[in-house]
C-alpha atoms as a PDB file:
ATOM      1  CA  MET A   1      66.676   0.446 -80.007  1.00  0.00           C
ATOM      2  CA  VAL A   2      68.606  -0.651 -76.878  1.00  0.00           C
ATOM      3  CA  ILE A   3      66.941  -3.019 -74.356  1.00  0.00           C
ATOM      4  CA  VAL A   4      68.568  -3.294 -70.934  1.00  0.00           C
ATOM      5  CA  SER A   5      67.514  -5.702 -68.291  1.00  0.00           C
ATOM      6  CA  ALA A   6      68.866  -5.983 -64.685  1.00  0.00           C
ATOM      7  CA  LEU A   7      67.957  -7.565 -61.287  1.00  0.00           C
ATOM      8  CA  ASP A   8      67.812  -5.186 -58.325  1.00  0.00           C
ATOM      9  CA  LYS A   9      68.601  -7.686 -55.631  1.00  0.00           C
ATOM     10  CA  TYR A  10      69.158  -4.979 -53.029  1.00  0.00           C
ATOM     11  CA  GLY A  11      65.689  -3.565 -53.741  1.00  0.00           C
ATOM     12  CA  HIS A  12      64.085  -7.036 -53.421  1.00  0.00           C
ATOM     13  CA  SER A  13      65.977  -7.512 -50.205  1.00  0.00           C
ATOM     14  CA  TYR A  14      64.652  -4.227 -48.815  1.00  0.00           C
ATOM     15  CA  LEU A  15      61.079  -5.048 -49.877  1.00  0.00           C
ATOM     16  CA  GLY A  16      61.324  -8.506 -48.174  1.00  0.00           C
ATOM     17  CA  SER A  17      62.628  -6.922 -45.003  1.00  0.00           C
ATOM     18  CA  LEU A  18      59.894  -4.251 -45.099  1.00  0.00           C
ATOM     19  CA  ARG A  19      57.294  -6.943 -45.567  1.00  0.00           C
ATOM     20  CA  GLN A  20      58.630  -8.965 -42.537  1.00  0.00           C
ATOM     21  CA  ILE A  21      58.763  -5.775 -40.485  1.00  0.00           C
ATOM     22  CA  LEU A  22      55.172  -4.880 -41.376  1.00  0.00           C
ATOM     23  CA  LEU A  23      53.963  -8.403 -40.550  1.00  0.00           C
ATOM     24  CA  VAL A  24      55.686  -8.308 -37.201  1.00  0.00           C
ATOM     25  CA  GLU A  25      54.341  -4.863 -36.429  1.00  0.00           C
ATOM     26  CA  LEU A  26      50.819  -5.998 -37.437  1.00  0.00           C
ATOM     27  CA  GLY A  27      51.098  -8.983 -35.111  1.00  0.00           C
ATOM     28  CA  VAL A  28      52.465  -6.872 -32.253  1.00  0.00           C
ATOM     29  CA  ALA A  29      49.700  -4.282 -32.878  1.00  0.00           C
ATOM     30  CA  LEU A  30      47.005  -7.026 -32.797  1.00  0.00           C
ATOM     31  CA  VAL A  31      48.416  -8.434 -29.509  1.00  0.00           C
ATOM     32  CA  LEU A  32      48.454  -4.929 -28.005  1.00  0.00           C
ATOM     33  CA  LEU A  33      44.974  -4.152 -29.111  1.00  0.00           C
ATOM     34  CA  VAL A  34      43.595  -7.394 -27.726  1.00  0.00           C
ATOM     35  CA  GLY A  35      45.453  -6.869 -24.436  1.00  0.00           C
ATOM     36  CA  ILE A  36      44.340  -3.323 -24.082  1.00  0.00           C
ATOM     37  CA  GLY A  37      40.783  -4.172 -25.124  1.00  0.00           C
ATOM     38  CA  TYR A  38      40.676  -6.954 -22.558  1.00  0.00           C
ATOM     39  CA  PHE A  39      42.136  -4.744 -19.908  1.00  0.00           C
ATOM     40  CA  PHE A  40      39.550  -1.985 -20.369  1.00  0.00           C
ATOM     41  CA  ALA A  41      36.722  -4.503 -20.810  1.00  0.00           C
ATOM     42  CA  ARG A  42      37.696  -6.166 -17.553  1.00  0.00           C
ATOM     43  CA  ASN A  43      37.746  -2.855 -15.776  1.00  0.00           C
ATOM     44  CA  MET A  44      34.449  -1.885 -17.249  1.00  0.00           C
ATOM     45  CA  MET A  45      32.789  -5.160 -16.344  1.00  0.00           C
ATOM     46  CA  GLN A  46      34.261  -5.344 -12.866  1.00  0.00           C
ATOM     47  CA  PRO A  47      31.438  -3.250 -11.179  1.00  0.00           C
ATOM     48  CA  VAL A  48      28.891  -5.298 -13.048  1.00  0.00           C
ATOM     49  CA  ASN A  49      30.424  -8.501 -11.857  1.00  0.00           C
ATOM     50  CA  ARG A  50      30.592  -7.188  -8.260  1.00  0.00           C
ATOM     51  CA  LEU A  51      26.979  -6.103  -8.527  1.00  0.00           C
ATOM     52  CA  VAL A  52      25.952  -9.591  -9.787  1.00  0.00           C
ATOM     53  CA  LYS A  53      27.881 -11.231  -6.948  1.00  0.00           C
ATOM     54  CA  GLU A  54      26.236  -9.036  -4.303  1.00  0.00           C
ATOM     55  CA  VAL A  55      22.807  -9.619  -5.845  1.00  0.00           C
ATOM     56  CA  ASN A  56      23.310 -13.399  -5.708  1.00  0.00           C
ATOM     57  CA  THR A  57      23.910 -13.227  -1.964  1.00  0.00           C
ATOM     58  CA  ILE A  58      20.558 -11.492  -1.291  1.00  0.00           C
ATOM     59  CA  ASN A  59      17.598 -13.798  -0.415  1.00  0.00           C
ATOM     60  CA  ALA A  60      14.419 -13.638   1.549  1.00  0.00           C
ATOM     61  CA  ASN A  61      16.250 -14.199   4.832  1.00  0.00           C
ATOM     62  CA  ASN A  62      18.619 -11.329   4.534  1.00  0.00           C
ATOM     63  CA  LEU A  63      16.510  -8.951   2.407  1.00  0.00           C
ATOM     64  CA  GLN A  64      16.170  -6.402   5.178  1.00  0.00           C
ATOM     65  CA  ASP A  65      19.911  -5.998   5.861  1.00  0.00           C
ATOM     66  CA  ASN A  66      21.741  -6.649   2.611  1.00  0.00           C
ATOM     67  CA  ARG A  67      22.217  -3.879   0.049  1.00  0.00           C
ATOM     68  CA  VAL A  68      24.472  -3.659  -3.001  1.00  0.00           C
ATOM     69  CA  THR A  69      27.513  -1.298  -2.842  1.00  0.00           C
ATOM     70  CA  VAL A  70      27.165   1.882  -4.692  1.00  0.00           C
ATOM     71  CA  THR A  71      30.383   3.782  -5.731  1.00  0.00           C
ATOM     72  CA  GLY A  72      30.793   6.622  -8.220  1.00  0.00           C
ATOM     73  CA  LYS A  73      28.224   8.394 -10.302  1.00  0.00           C
ATOM     74  CA  ASP A  74      28.150   6.378 -13.511  1.00  0.00           C
ATOM     75  CA  GLU A  75      25.289   4.246 -14.947  1.00  0.00           C
ATOM     76  CA  ILE A  76      26.286   1.223 -12.839  1.00  0.00           C
ATOM     77  CA  ALA A  77      26.093   3.258  -9.706  1.00  0.00           C
ATOM     78  CA  SER A  78      22.679   4.535 -10.748  1.00  0.00           C
ATOM     79  CA  LEU A  79      21.481   0.955 -11.383  1.00  0.00           C
ATOM     80  CA  GLY A  80      22.789  -0.084  -7.985  1.00  0.00           C
ATOM     81  CA  ALA A  81      20.961   2.833  -6.214  1.00  0.00           C
ATOM     82  CA  ASN A  82      17.725   1.945  -8.044  1.00  0.00           C
ATOM     83  CA  PHE A  83      18.174  -1.734  -7.065  1.00  0.00           C
ATOM     84  CA  ASN A  84      18.617  -0.762  -3.435  1.00  0.00           C
ATOM     85  CA  THR A  85      15.442   1.337  -3.591  1.00  0.00           C
ATOM     86  CA  MET A  86      13.610  -1.608  -5.040  1.00  0.00           C
ATOM     87  CA  LEU A  87      14.955  -3.869  -2.265  1.00  0.00           C
ATOM     88  CA  GLN A  88      13.807  -1.399   0.392  1.00  0.00           C
ATOM     89  CA  ARG A  89      10.313  -1.361  -1.101  1.00  0.00           C
ATOM     90  CA  LEU A  90      10.246  -5.147  -1.150  1.00  0.00           C
ATOM     91  CA  SER A  91      11.471  -5.345   2.395  1.00  0.00           C
ATOM     92  CA  ASN A  92       8.720  -2.883   3.530  1.00  0.00           C
ATOM     93  CA  SER A  93       6.124  -4.900   1.640  1.00  0.00           C
ATOM     94  CA  PHE A  94       7.351  -8.166   3.270  1.00  0.00           C
ATOM     95  CA  ASP A  95       7.321  -6.604   6.715  1.00  0.00           C
ATOM     96  CA  LEU A  96       3.781  -5.327   6.145  1.00  0.00           C
ATOM     97  CA  GLN A  97       2.603  -8.726   4.877  1.00  0.00           C
ATOM     98  CA  LYS A  98       4.242 -10.529   7.790  1.00  0.00           C
ATOM     99  CA  SER A  99       2.576  -8.090  10.264  1.00  0.00           C
ATOM    100  CA  PHE A 100      -0.764  -8.396   8.447  1.00  0.00           C
ATOM    101  CA  VAL A 101      -0.728 -12.174   8.429  1.00  0.00           C
ATOM    102  CA  SER A 102       0.335 -12.358  12.079  1.00  0.00           C
ATOM    103  CA  ASN A 103      -2.270  -9.863  13.238  1.00  0.00           C
ATOM    104  CA  ALA A 104      -5.018 -11.326  11.070  1.00  0.00           C
ATOM    105  CA  SER A 105      -4.328 -14.881  12.340  1.00  0.00           C
ATOM    106  CA  HIS A 106      -4.375 -13.643  15.900  1.00  0.00           C
ATOM    107  CA  GLU A 107      -7.650 -11.731  15.430  1.00  0.00           C
ATOM    108  CA  LEU A 108      -9.269 -14.698  13.711  1.00  0.00           C
ATOM    109  CA  ARG A 109      -8.113 -17.002  16.387  1.00  0.00           C
ATOM    110  CA  THR A 110      -9.789 -15.109  19.213  1.00  0.00           C
ATOM    111  CA  PRO A 111     -13.417 -15.326  18.170  1.00  0.00           C
ATOM    112  CA  LEU A 112     -12.968 -18.920  16.957  1.00  0.00           C
ATOM    113  CA  ALA A 113     -11.413 -19.971  20.271  1.00  0.00           C
ATOM    114  CA  SER A 114     -14.237 -18.273  22.142  1.00  0.00           C
ATOM    115  CA  ILE A 115     -16.918 -20.028  20.037  1.00  0.00           C
ATOM    116  CA  ILE A 116     -15.291 -23.435  20.436  1.00  0.00           C
ATOM    117  CA  SER A 117     -14.755 -23.093  24.194  1.00  0.00           C
ATOM    118  CA  GLN A 118     -18.335 -21.995  24.810  1.00  0.00           C
ATOM    119  CA  LEU A 119     -19.756 -24.877  22.746  1.00  0.00           C
ATOM    120  CA  GLN A 120     -17.543 -27.385  24.519  1.00  0.00           C
ATOM    121  CA  VAL A 121     -18.660 -26.086  27.901  1.00  0.00           C
ATOM    122  CA  SER A 122     -22.338 -26.203  26.861  1.00  0.00           C
ATOM    123  CA  LEU A 123     -22.009 -29.740  25.562  1.00  0.00           C
ATOM    124  CA  SER A 124     -20.144 -31.043  28.651  1.00  0.00           C
ATOM    125  CA  ARG A 125     -23.444 -31.724  30.420  1.00  0.00           C
ATOM    126  CA  VAL A 126     -27.155 -31.199  30.060  1.00  0.00           C
ATOM    127  CA  ARG A 127     -28.196 -27.657  30.714  1.00  0.00           C
ATOM    128  CA  SER A 128     -31.420 -25.687  30.956  1.00  0.00           C
ATOM    129  CA  THR A 129     -33.067 -23.847  28.090  1.00  0.00           C
ATOM    130  CA  ASP A 130     -32.036 -20.469  29.529  1.00  0.00           C
ATOM    131  CA  ASP A 131     -28.365 -21.612  29.629  1.00  0.00           C
ATOM    132  CA  TYR A 132     -28.529 -22.757  26.071  1.00  0.00           C
ATOM    133  CA  VAL A 133     -30.099 -19.487  24.884  1.00  0.00           C
ATOM    134  CA  GLN A 134     -27.497 -17.446  26.745  1.00  0.00           C
ATOM    135  CA  THR A 135     -24.670 -19.577  25.178  1.00  0.00           C
ATOM    136  CA  LEU A 136     -26.220 -19.262  21.641  1.00  0.00           C
ATOM    137  CA  ASN A 137     -26.482 -15.422  22.056  1.00  0.00           C
ATOM    138  CA  SER A 138     -22.816 -15.285  23.076  1.00  0.00           C
ATOM    139  CA  VAL A 139     -21.814 -17.530  20.164  1.00  0.00           C
ATOM    140  CA  LEU A 140     -23.900 -15.398  17.802  1.00  0.00           C
ATOM    141  CA  GLU A 141     -22.089 -12.307  19.031  1.00  0.00           C
ATOM    142  CA  ASP A 142     -18.727 -13.916  18.448  1.00  0.00           C
ATOM    143  CA  ALA A 143     -19.890 -15.148  15.013  1.00  0.00           C
ATOM    144  CA  GLU A 144     -20.894 -11.587  14.020  1.00  0.00           C
ATOM    145  CA  ASN A 145     -17.586 -10.411  15.343  1.00  0.00           C
ATOM    146  CA  LEU A 146     -15.858 -12.945  13.125  1.00  0.00           C
ATOM    147  CA  SER A 147     -17.993 -11.979  10.155  1.00  0.00           C
ATOM    148  CA  ASP A 148     -17.099  -8.249  10.612  1.00  0.00           C
ATOM    149  CA  LEU A 149     -13.447  -9.183  10.683  1.00  0.00           C
ATOM    150  CA  THR A 150     -13.514 -11.282   7.574  1.00  0.00           C
ATOM    151  CA  ASN A 151     -15.457  -8.567   5.715  1.00  0.00           C
ATOM    152  CA  GLY A 152     -12.849  -6.120   6.834  1.00  0.00           C
ATOM    153  CA  LEU A 153     -10.001  -8.277   5.587  1.00  0.00           C
ATOM    154  CA  LEU A 154     -11.818  -8.685   2.257  1.00  0.00           C
ATOM    155  CA  GLN A 155     -12.293  -4.944   1.902  1.00  0.00           C
ATOM    156  CA  LEU A 156      -8.667  -4.438   2.737  1.00  0.00           C
ATOM    157  CA  ALA A 157      -7.675  -6.833  -0.099  1.00  0.00           C
ATOM    158  CA  GLN A 158     -10.120  -5.252  -2.502  1.00  0.00           C
ATOM    159  CA  SER A 159      -8.801  -1.783  -1.818  1.00  0.00           C
ATOM    160  CA  ASP A 160      -5.384  -3.058  -3.145  1.00  0.00           C
ATOM    161  CA  MET A 161      -6.881  -4.774  -6.135  1.00  0.00           C
ATOM    162  CA  ASN A 162      -9.300  -2.096  -7.391  1.00  0.00           C
ATOM    163  CA  GLN A 163      -6.735   0.403  -8.735  1.00  0.00           C
ATOM    164  CA  GLN A 164      -7.514   0.282 -12.409  1.00  0.00           C
ATOM    165  CA  ALA A 165      -8.874   3.385 -13.955  1.00  0.00           C
ATOM    166  CA  SER A 166     -11.346   1.208 -15.972  1.00  0.00           C
ATOM    167  CA  LEU A 167     -13.235   0.575 -12.719  1.00  0.00           C
ATOM    168  CA  PHE A 168     -13.712   4.307 -12.206  1.00  0.00           C
ATOM    169  CA  ARG A 169     -16.800   6.239 -13.258  1.00  0.00           C
ATOM    170  CA  GLU A 170     -18.462   9.505 -12.267  1.00  0.00           C
ATOM    171  CA  VAL A 171     -19.876   9.334  -8.782  1.00  0.00           C
ATOM    172  CA  ARG A 172     -22.144  11.891  -7.127  1.00  0.00           C
ATOM    173  CA  ILE A 173     -20.736  12.189  -3.576  1.00  0.00           C
ATOM    174  CA  ASP A 174     -23.864  13.912  -2.168  1.00  0.00           C
ATOM    175  CA  GLU A 175     -26.105  11.218  -3.435  1.00  0.00           C
ATOM    176  CA  LEU A 176     -23.773   8.564  -2.061  1.00  0.00           C
ATOM    177  CA  LEU A 177     -23.843  10.267   1.408  1.00  0.00           C
ATOM    178  CA  LEU A 178     -27.666  10.292   1.387  1.00  0.00           C
ATOM    179  CA  GLU A 179     -27.593   6.497   1.360  1.00  0.00           C
ATOM    180  CA  LEU A 180     -25.575   6.299   4.601  1.00  0.00           C
ATOM    181  CA  PRO A 181     -28.503   6.612   7.105  1.00  0.00           C
ATOM    182  CA  ASN A 182     -30.192   3.452   5.791  1.00  0.00           C
ATOM    183  CA  LEU A 183     -26.876   1.553   5.649  1.00  0.00           C
ATOM    184  CA  ILE A 184     -25.942   2.582   9.188  1.00  0.00           C
ATOM    185  CA  ASN A 185     -29.469   1.689  10.391  1.00  0.00           C
ATOM    186  CA  LEU A 186     -29.045  -1.804   8.963  1.00  0.00           C
ATOM    187  CA  LYS A 187     -25.484  -2.270  10.235  1.00  0.00           C
ATOM    188  CA  GLN A 188     -26.127  -1.033  13.735  1.00  0.00           C
ATOM    189  CA  LYS A 189     -29.600  -2.385  14.002  1.00  0.00           C
ATOM    190  CA  GLY A 190     -31.129   1.028  14.532  1.00  0.00           C
ATOM    191  CA  ALA A 191     -28.683   2.207  17.177  1.00  0.00           C
ATOM    192  CA  GLY A 192     -26.840   4.723  15.049  1.00  0.00           C
ATOM    193  CA  ARG A 193     -28.026   8.073  13.522  1.00  0.00           C
ATOM    194  CA  VAL A 194     -26.604  10.225  10.745  1.00  0.00           C
ATOM    195  CA  ASP A 195     -27.051  13.920  10.515  1.00  0.00           C
ATOM    196  CA  ILE A 196     -26.094  15.154   6.985  1.00  0.00           C
ATOM    197  CA  GLN A 197     -25.700  18.875   6.232  1.00  0.00           C
ATOM    198  CA  PHE A 198     -25.121  20.429   2.827  1.00  0.00           C
ATOM    199  CA  PRO A 199     -24.860  24.190   3.568  1.00  0.00           C
ATOM    200  CA  GLU A 200     -24.229  25.365   0.014  1.00  0.00           C
ATOM    201  CA  ILE A 201     -25.681  23.476  -2.930  1.00  0.00           C
ATOM    202  CA  PRO A 202     -23.573  24.277  -6.038  1.00  0.00           C
ATOM    203  CA  ASP A 203     -25.230  25.061  -9.392  1.00  0.00           C
ATOM    204  CA  ASN A 204     -22.801  22.776 -11.218  1.00  0.00           C
ATOM    205  CA  GLU A 205     -23.205  19.133 -10.241  1.00  0.00           C
ATOM    206  CA  ASP A 206     -19.668  18.413 -11.372  1.00  0.00           C
ATOM    207  CA  MET A 207     -18.528  20.257  -8.252  1.00  0.00           C
ATOM    208  CA  VAL A 208     -19.802  17.386  -6.162  1.00  0.00           C
ATOM    209  CA  THR A 209     -18.899  14.621  -8.547  1.00  0.00           C
ATOM    210  CA  CYS A 210     -15.627  12.737  -8.683  1.00  0.00           C
ATOM    211  CA  SER A 211     -14.158   9.999 -10.752  1.00  0.00           C
ATOM    212  CA  GLY A 212     -13.952   6.891  -8.639  1.00  0.00           C
ATOM    213  CA  ASN A 213     -15.163   3.436  -7.680  1.00  0.00           C
ATOM    214  CA  GLU A 214     -18.579   3.753  -6.187  1.00  0.00           C
ATOM    215  CA  SER A 215     -18.348   0.589  -4.094  1.00  0.00           C
ATOM    216  CA  LEU A 216     -15.001   1.597  -2.553  1.00  0.00           C
ATOM    217  CA  LEU A 217     -16.180   5.130  -1.842  1.00  0.00           C
ATOM    218  CA  LYS A 218     -19.299   3.702  -0.176  1.00  0.00           C
ATOM    219  CA  VAL A 219     -17.048   1.592   2.045  1.00  0.00           C
ATOM    220  CA  LEU A 220     -14.909   4.608   2.820  1.00  0.00           C
ATOM    221  CA  PHE A 221     -17.755   6.833   4.129  1.00  0.00           C
ATOM    222  CA  LEU A 222     -19.614   3.877   5.742  1.00  0.00           C
ATOM    223  CA  ASN A 223     -16.509   3.061   7.859  1.00  0.00           C
ATOM    224  CA  LEU A 224     -16.017   6.682   8.868  1.00  0.00           C
ATOM    225  CA  VAL A 225     -19.685   7.155   9.795  1.00  0.00           C
ATOM    226  CA  ASP A 226     -19.859   3.840  11.566  1.00  0.00           C
ATOM    227  CA  ASN A 227     -16.833   4.708  13.730  1.00  0.00           C
ATOM    228  CA  ALA A 228     -18.404   8.077  14.537  1.00  0.00           C
ATOM    229  CA  CYS A 229     -21.740   6.434  15.654  1.00  0.00           C
ATOM    230  CA  LYS A 230     -19.950   3.863  17.766  1.00  0.00           C
ATOM    231  CA  PHE A 231     -17.777   6.323  19.637  1.00  0.00           C
ATOM    232  CA  ALA A 232     -20.292   9.149  19.917  1.00  0.00           C
ATOM    233  CA  THR A 233     -22.046   9.639  23.240  1.00  0.00           C
ATOM    234  CA  ASP A 234     -25.353  10.152  21.511  1.00  0.00           C
ATOM    235  CA  ASN A 235     -24.645   7.566  18.744  1.00  0.00           C
ATOM    236  CA  THR A 236     -24.833  10.271  16.110  1.00  0.00           C
ATOM    237  CA  ALA A 237     -22.471  10.978  13.298  1.00  0.00           C
ATOM    238  CA  ARG A 238     -22.506  14.464  11.875  1.00  0.00           C
ATOM    239  CA  VAL A 239     -21.616  14.758   8.141  1.00  0.00           C
ATOM    240  CA  THR A 240     -21.091  17.978   6.305  1.00  0.00           C
ATOM    241  CA  ILE A 241     -20.158  18.435   2.633  1.00  0.00           C
ATOM    242  CA  HIS A 242     -18.958  21.451   0.684  1.00  0.00           C
ATOM    243  CA  THR A 243     -16.828  22.311  -2.290  1.00  0.00           C
ATOM    244  CA  GLU A 244     -13.451  24.172  -2.261  1.00  0.00           C
ATOM    245  CA  ARG A 245     -10.894  24.738  -5.034  1.00  0.00           C
ATOM    246  CA  GLN A 246     -11.902  21.907  -7.269  1.00  0.00           C
ATOM    247  CA  GLN A 247     -12.197  19.620  -4.289  1.00  0.00           C
ATOM    248  CA  ILE A 248     -15.084  17.915  -2.523  1.00  0.00           C
ATOM    249  CA  VAL A 249     -14.684  18.242   1.280  1.00  0.00           C
ATOM    250  CA  ILE A 250     -16.502  15.889   3.507  1.00  0.00           C
ATOM    251  CA  ARG A 251     -16.263  16.160   7.310  1.00  0.00           C
ATOM    252  CA  VAL A 252     -17.384  13.381   9.643  1.00  0.00           C
ATOM    253  CA  SER A 253     -17.497  14.323  13.352  1.00  0.00           C
ATOM    254  CA  ASP A 254     -18.742  12.964  16.641  1.00  0.00           C
ATOM    255  CA  ASN A 255     -18.761  13.966  20.263  1.00  0.00           C
ATOM    256  CA  GLY A 256     -17.207  10.787  21.638  1.00  0.00           C
ATOM    257  CA  ILE A 257     -14.138   9.862  23.572  1.00  0.00           C
ATOM    258  CA  GLY A 258     -11.593  11.185  21.097  1.00  0.00           C
ATOM    259  CA  ILE A 259      -8.186   9.956  20.260  1.00  0.00           C
ATOM    260  CA  PRO A 260      -5.033  10.634  22.314  1.00  0.00           C
ATOM    261  CA  SER A 261      -2.667  13.000  20.465  1.00  0.00           C
ATOM    262  CA  ALA A 262       0.250  10.542  20.882  1.00  0.00           C
ATOM    263  CA  GLU A 263      -1.697   7.886  18.952  1.00  0.00           C
ATOM    264  CA  ILE A 264      -3.194   9.896  16.068  1.00  0.00           C
ATOM    265  CA  GLY A 265      -0.319   9.095  13.834  1.00  0.00           C
ATOM    266  CA  LYS A 266      -0.859   5.331  14.228  1.00  0.00           C
ATOM    267  CA  ILE A 267      -4.680   4.989  13.717  1.00  0.00           C
ATOM    268  CA  PHE A 268      -4.317   4.263   9.991  1.00  0.00           C
ATOM    269  CA  GLU A 269      -2.139   1.234  10.613  1.00  0.00           C
ATOM    270  CA  PRO A 270      -3.953  -2.094  10.095  1.00  0.00           C
ATOM    271  CA  PHE A 271      -5.211  -3.662  13.419  1.00  0.00           C
ATOM    272  CA  TYR A 272      -4.025  -0.702  15.510  1.00  0.00           C
ATOM    273  CA  ARG A 273      -6.524   0.561  18.039  1.00  0.00           C
ATOM    274  CA  ALA A 274      -6.122   3.465  20.474  1.00  0.00           C
ATOM    275  CA  GLN A 275      -5.932   2.440  24.157  1.00  0.00           C
ATOM    276  CA  ASN A 276      -9.098   4.232  25.081  1.00  0.00           C
ATOM    277  CA  ALA A 277     -11.021   2.353  22.354  1.00  0.00           C
ATOM    278  CA  ALA A 278     -10.566  -1.101  23.831  1.00  0.00           C
ATOM    279  CA  ALA A 279     -14.102  -1.157  25.273  1.00  0.00           C
ATOM    280  CA  VAL A 280     -15.671  -0.517  21.826  1.00  0.00           C
ATOM    281  CA  ARG A 281     -16.149  -3.412  19.429  1.00  0.00           C
ATOM    282  CA  GLY A 282     -13.784  -3.272  16.521  1.00  0.00           C
ATOM    283  CA  HIS A 283     -10.655  -4.695  14.899  1.00  0.00           C
ATOM    284  CA  GLY A 284      -8.691  -1.640  13.777  1.00  0.00           C
ATOM    285  CA  LEU A 285      -9.165  -2.280  10.065  1.00  0.00           C
ATOM    286  CA  GLY A 286     -11.632   0.441   9.144  1.00  0.00           C
ATOM    287  CA  LEU A 287      -9.323   3.446   9.062  1.00  0.00           C
ATOM    288  CA  SER A 288      -6.577   1.586   7.192  1.00  0.00           C
ATOM    289  CA  ILE A 289      -9.087   0.638   4.547  1.00  0.00           C
ATOM    290  CA  CYS A 290     -10.241   4.242   4.374  1.00  0.00           C
ATOM    291  CA  LYS A 291      -6.687   5.506   3.905  1.00  0.00           C
ATOM    292  CA  ARG A 292      -6.015   3.031   1.029  1.00  0.00           C
ATOM    293  CA  ILE A 293      -9.238   3.883  -0.784  1.00  0.00           C
ATOM    294  CA  ILE A 294      -8.489   7.636  -0.506  1.00  0.00           C
ATOM    295  CA  ALA A 295      -5.020   7.032  -1.863  1.00  0.00           C
ATOM    296  CA  ILE A 296      -6.461   5.132  -4.819  1.00  0.00           C
ATOM    297  CA  HIS A 297      -8.727   8.142  -5.558  1.00  0.00           C
ATOM    298  CA  HIS A 298      -5.803  10.650  -5.210  1.00  0.00           C
ATOM    299  CA  GLY A 299      -7.488  12.266  -2.233  1.00  0.00           C
ATOM    300  CA  GLN A 300      -6.459  13.337   1.297  1.00  0.00           C
ATOM    301  CA  ILE A 301      -7.645  12.479   4.805  1.00  0.00           C
ATOM    302  CA  PHE A 302      -7.012  14.625   7.861  1.00  0.00           C
ATOM    303  CA  VAL A 303      -7.981  14.055  11.555  1.00  0.00           C
ATOM    304  CA  GLU A 304      -8.555  16.436  14.503  1.00  0.00           C
ATOM    305  CA  SER A 305      -9.333  15.056  17.868  1.00  0.00           C
ATOM    306  CA  THR A 306      -9.527  16.120  21.463  1.00  0.00           C
ATOM    307  CA  THR A 307      -9.670  13.464  24.181  1.00  0.00           C
ATOM    308  CA  GLY A 308     -13.089  13.516  25.719  1.00  0.00           C
ATOM    309  CA  HIS A 309     -14.604  15.985  23.242  1.00  0.00           C
ATOM    310  CA  GLY A 310     -14.767  14.082  19.939  1.00  0.00           C
ATOM    311  CA  THR A 311     -13.038  13.503  16.587  1.00  0.00           C
ATOM    312  CA  VAL A 312     -13.327  15.092  13.216  1.00  0.00           C
ATOM    313  CA  PHE A 313     -12.258  13.328   9.996  1.00  0.00           C
ATOM    314  CA  GLU A 314     -11.915  15.462   6.923  1.00  0.00           C
ATOM    315  CA  VAL A 315     -11.874  13.790   3.457  1.00  0.00           C
ATOM    316  CA  ARG A 316     -10.841  15.772   0.309  1.00  0.00           C
ATOM    317  CA  LEU A 317     -11.545  14.203  -3.125  1.00  0.00           C
ATOM    318  CA  PRO A 318     -10.847  15.880  -6.483  1.00  0.00           C
ATOM    319  CA  SER A 319     -14.018  16.968  -8.250  1.00  0.00           C
ATOM    320  CA  LEU A 320     -14.713  17.048 -11.986  1.00  0.00           C
ATOM    321  CA  ALA A 321     -15.334  20.799 -11.977  1.00  0.00           C
END
């Protein structure tokens, strides 16, 4: 048996050099990976950082003009586009709110100023009984005007609040319309009349039944019929109801002064009144309330009018049939 032992110093030297080379390469690779990762991460986060900086510059004062920059077609660009859409909706809501508050304060100020001025004049000196009665009648008229305005504002607010499906139930539209003559008689103190016609009575009651909020639907038709009675030359609103393609169609017409064609597109705006309607008492809230109620019930409203010959409002509501 021969045992031989030797030391391979060249092999150990090569292994040591290889170990050092591998360690250096590992360090260089880690530095490169960190640098490359930081470079790509920075480039990827740059659009997000720009978006955050632009969003931080937007406030209530410049909401209408400022929008975030959208470039490319990636997820960040989609986020920026959706954010701009949200800003536009917020801007529109703020503009409507400002307009509503401004118009409401103006409309409320007018009857209050009239009441105060009349009372001040009456109290400035001793007057006769007839003068006091005349003043009180005028103040009562202004107070009723103010009451109608506040009720309209309340209905307008309720039409925005009552959008939950849990508040809906089955409502017979024909039965609801039959209540209108008594309601109009009370509201207009016997001055208005309602002529209701139901040419074709369907066999299935679901054809004249819809899912909705009965209180809001009553406000809807009461406003339309009340307007028809006020503007009609004979103080009569003509109401017809029929069914068509799973829809309940209600038409409310009058033979009044009509609406100028140039103003038909504006009549559903809050506080807007046509120029030829200035002599008739009102605040321009009724039709805007009607439009919101119809939108809540997923219905439609159309208007046809000829100046001097009358106006027809057509309401379409989805039926249960």
